[in-house]
Amino acid sequence: QAVTLSLLMYPVLRSLVLQLHSAVTGSYVSGTHSIAFINCLNEQIAKDIARAIMDKKLAACVNILPKSSALYFWKGELEESTEILLLVKTRTSKIGELSSYVRSIHPFEIPEIISLPIDQGNPLYLKWIEESVPRD
């Protein structure tokens, strides 16, 4: 137990342990995949970023959600705007690369790029994500 816990502290080793567990048990390991949220100024920017993410095979799917209102503090002032939200389904191991890439092409000074692990879901869909996004 202690060896397993210490291995899980290192991201690369954690990834290998989770892959081994999944291969041995045939079950989905919670957190293997994630959903990233990325906000965009308008629909054209959202489509361009979504296509760029897909072209780099950093995701299995990107949903482009319609306009929503956002309230936020920016440089000490309360701002209000409309945004388009991208929902990016990918491997958790790709989140760092996805974040770096999006920051390099996104027009915002500080784009919102956050992710949440996928706990459970349709096993066939989760397998499809696995097959669609190349391993590191």
Protein backbone atom coordinates (compact mmCIF):
# COMPACT_ATOMS: atom_id res chain seq x y z
CA GLN A 1 0.00 0.00 0.00
CA ALA A 2 2.70 2.50 0.98
CA VAL A 3 4.63 1.83 -2.24
CA THR A 4 1.50 2.37 -4.33
CA LEU A 5 0.70 5.61 -2.51
CA SER A 6 4.23 6.93 -2.96
CA LEU A 7 4.11 6.06 -6.68
CA LEU A 8 0.84 7.97 -7.06
CA MET A 9 2.59 11.17 -5.93
CA TYR A 10 4.58 11.37 -9.15
CA PRO A 11 2.44 12.23 -12.22
CA VAL A 12 4.30 10.00 -14.68
CA LEU A 13 4.37 7.05 -12.30
CA ARG A 14 0.75 7.70 -11.35
CA SER A 15 -0.20 7.53 -15.02
CA LEU A 16 1.61 4.21 -15.42
CA VAL A 17 0.01 2.74 -12.28
CA LEU A 18 -3.46 3.82 -13.47
CA GLN A 19 -2.86 2.35 -16.94
CA LEU A 20 -1.72 -0.93 -15.38
CA HIS A 21 -4.74 -1.02 -13.05
CA SER A 22 -7.10 -0.35 -15.94
CA ALA A 23 -5.45 -3.02 -18.12
CA VAL A 24 -5.56 -5.64 -15.35
CA THR A 25 -9.10 -4.95 -14.12
CA GLY A 26 -10.65 -3.80 -17.40
CA SER A 27 -12.38 -0.98 -15.52
CA TYR A 28 -12.24 2.78 -15.90
CA VAL A 29 -10.02 4.53 -13.38
CA SER A 30 -11.64 7.73 -12.12
CA GLY A 31 -9.72 10.79 -13.28
CA THR A 32 -8.04 9.19 -16.31
CA HIS A 33 -9.86 11.69 -18.51
CA SER A 34 -10.85 15.30 -17.92
CA ILE A 35 -13.10 18.05 -19.20
CA ALA A 36 -11.36 21.38 -19.73
CA PHE A 37 -13.29 24.66 -19.83
CA ILE A 38 -11.94 27.44 -22.05
CA ASN A 39 -13.67 30.79 -22.47
CA CYS A 40 -13.53 32.74 -25.73
CA LEU A 41 -14.52 36.26 -26.75
CA ASN A 42 -16.67 35.28 -29.72
CA GLU A 43 -17.79 32.36 -31.86
CA GLN A 44 -15.07 32.75 -34.51
CA ILE A 45 -12.27 32.67 -31.92
CA ALA A 46 -13.98 29.68 -30.26
CA LYS A 47 -14.15 27.79 -33.56
CA ASP A 48 -10.54 28.63 -34.43
CA ILE A 49 -9.25 27.46 -31.03
CA ALA A 50 -11.44 24.33 -31.11
CA ARG A 51 -10.12 23.40 -34.58
CA ALA A 52 -6.51 24.06 -33.52
CA ILE A 53 -6.98 21.77 -30.47
CA MET A 54 -8.44 19.03 -32.67
CA ASP A 55 -5.72 19.44 -35.33
CA LYS A 56 -3.08 18.84 -32.64
CA LYS A 57 -5.06 15.79 -31.38
CA LEU A 58 -5.20 17.28 -27.89
CA ALA A 59 -8.85 16.28 -27.48
CA ALA A 60 -11.39 13.70 -28.58
CA CYS A 61 -14.16 16.30 -28.79
CA VAL A 62 -14.70 20.03 -28.29
CA ASN A 63 -18.21 21.36 -27.70
CA ILE A 64 -18.80 25.03 -28.47
CA LEU A 65 -21.53 26.35 -26.17
CA PRO A 66 -23.54 29.44 -27.14
CA LYS A 67 -23.12 32.89 -25.66
CA SER A 68 -23.42 33.32 -21.93
CA SER A 69 -23.07 36.35 -19.70
CA ALA A 70 -20.04 36.61 -17.44
CA LEU A 71 -19.34 38.87 -14.48
CA TYR A 72 -15.77 39.02 -13.22
CA PHE A 73 -13.20 41.26 -11.61
CA TRP A 74 -10.44 42.50 -13.90
CA LYS A 75 -7.77 44.90 -12.64
CA GLY A 76 -9.93 45.81 -9.66
CA GLU A 77 -13.07 46.62 -11.65
CA LEU A 78 -16.25 44.59 -12.03
CA GLU A 79 -16.64 43.70 -15.70
CA GLU A 80 -19.53 42.18 -17.64
CA SER A 81 -19.22 40.48 -21.02
CA THR A 82 -20.55 37.72 -23.19
CA GLU A 83 -18.40 34.66 -23.81
CA ILE A 84 -18.44 31.42 -25.73
CA LEU A 85 -17.43 28.36 -23.70
CA LEU A 86 -15.47 25.41 -25.02
CA LEU A 87 -15.87 22.01 -23.31
CA VAL A 88 -12.82 19.93 -24.17
CA LYS A 89 -12.82 16.17 -23.50
CA THR A 90 -9.33 14.73 -23.28
CA ARG A 91 -6.88 12.59 -21.35
CA THR A 92 -5.93 14.09 -18.00
CA SER A 93 -2.29 13.58 -18.98
CA LYS A 94 -2.81 16.06 -21.86
CA ILE A 95 -4.13 18.95 -19.73
CA GLY A 96 -0.70 20.58 -19.27
CA GLU A 97 0.07 20.46 -23.00
CA LEU A 98 -3.46 21.64 -23.86
CA SER A 99 -3.18 24.57 -21.45
CA SER A 100 0.23 25.65 -22.77
CA TYR A 101 -0.92 25.42 -26.38
CA VAL A 102 -4.16 27.35 -25.82
CA ARG A 103 -2.30 30.09 -23.90
CA SER A 104 0.04 30.45 -26.90
CA ILE A 105 -2.83 31.05 -29.38
CA HIS A 106 -5.56 32.65 -27.23
CA PRO A 107 -6.06 36.42 -27.60
CA PHE A 108 -6.89 36.97 -23.89
CA GLU A 109 -4.08 38.11 -21.62
CA ILE A 110 -5.16 35.49 -19.06
CA PRO A 111 -7.53 32.98 -20.70
CA GLU A 112 -9.69 30.76 -18.52
CA ILE A 113 -8.36 27.22 -18.89
CA ILE A 114 -9.50 24.99 -16.06
CA SER A 115 -10.20 21.28 -15.90
CA LEU A 116 -12.11 18.77 -13.86
CA PRO A 117 -11.44 15.03 -13.81
CA ILE A 118 -14.13 12.74 -15.18
CA ASP A 119 -15.18 10.49 -12.33
CA GLN A 120 -17.36 8.02 -14.24
CA GLY A 121 -19.36 7.83 -17.44
CA ASN A 122 -20.48 5.66 -20.33
CA PRO A 123 -17.64 3.10 -20.61
CA LEU A 124 -17.87 3.08 -24.41
CA TYR A 125 -17.58 6.89 -24.55
CA LEU A 126 -14.61 6.88 -22.17
CA LYS A 127 -12.95 4.20 -24.31
CA TRP A 128 -13.57 6.38 -27.38
CA ILE A 129 -11.78 9.31 -25.70
CA GLU A 130 -8.90 6.93 -24.93
CA GLU A 131 -8.70 5.82 -28.57
CA SER A 132 -9.09 9.34 -30.01
CA VAL A 133 -6.32 11.11 -28.08
CA PRO A 134 -2.85 9.65 -28.60
CA ARG A 135 -0.95 8.62 -25.49
CA ASP A 136 1.97 10.83 -24.43
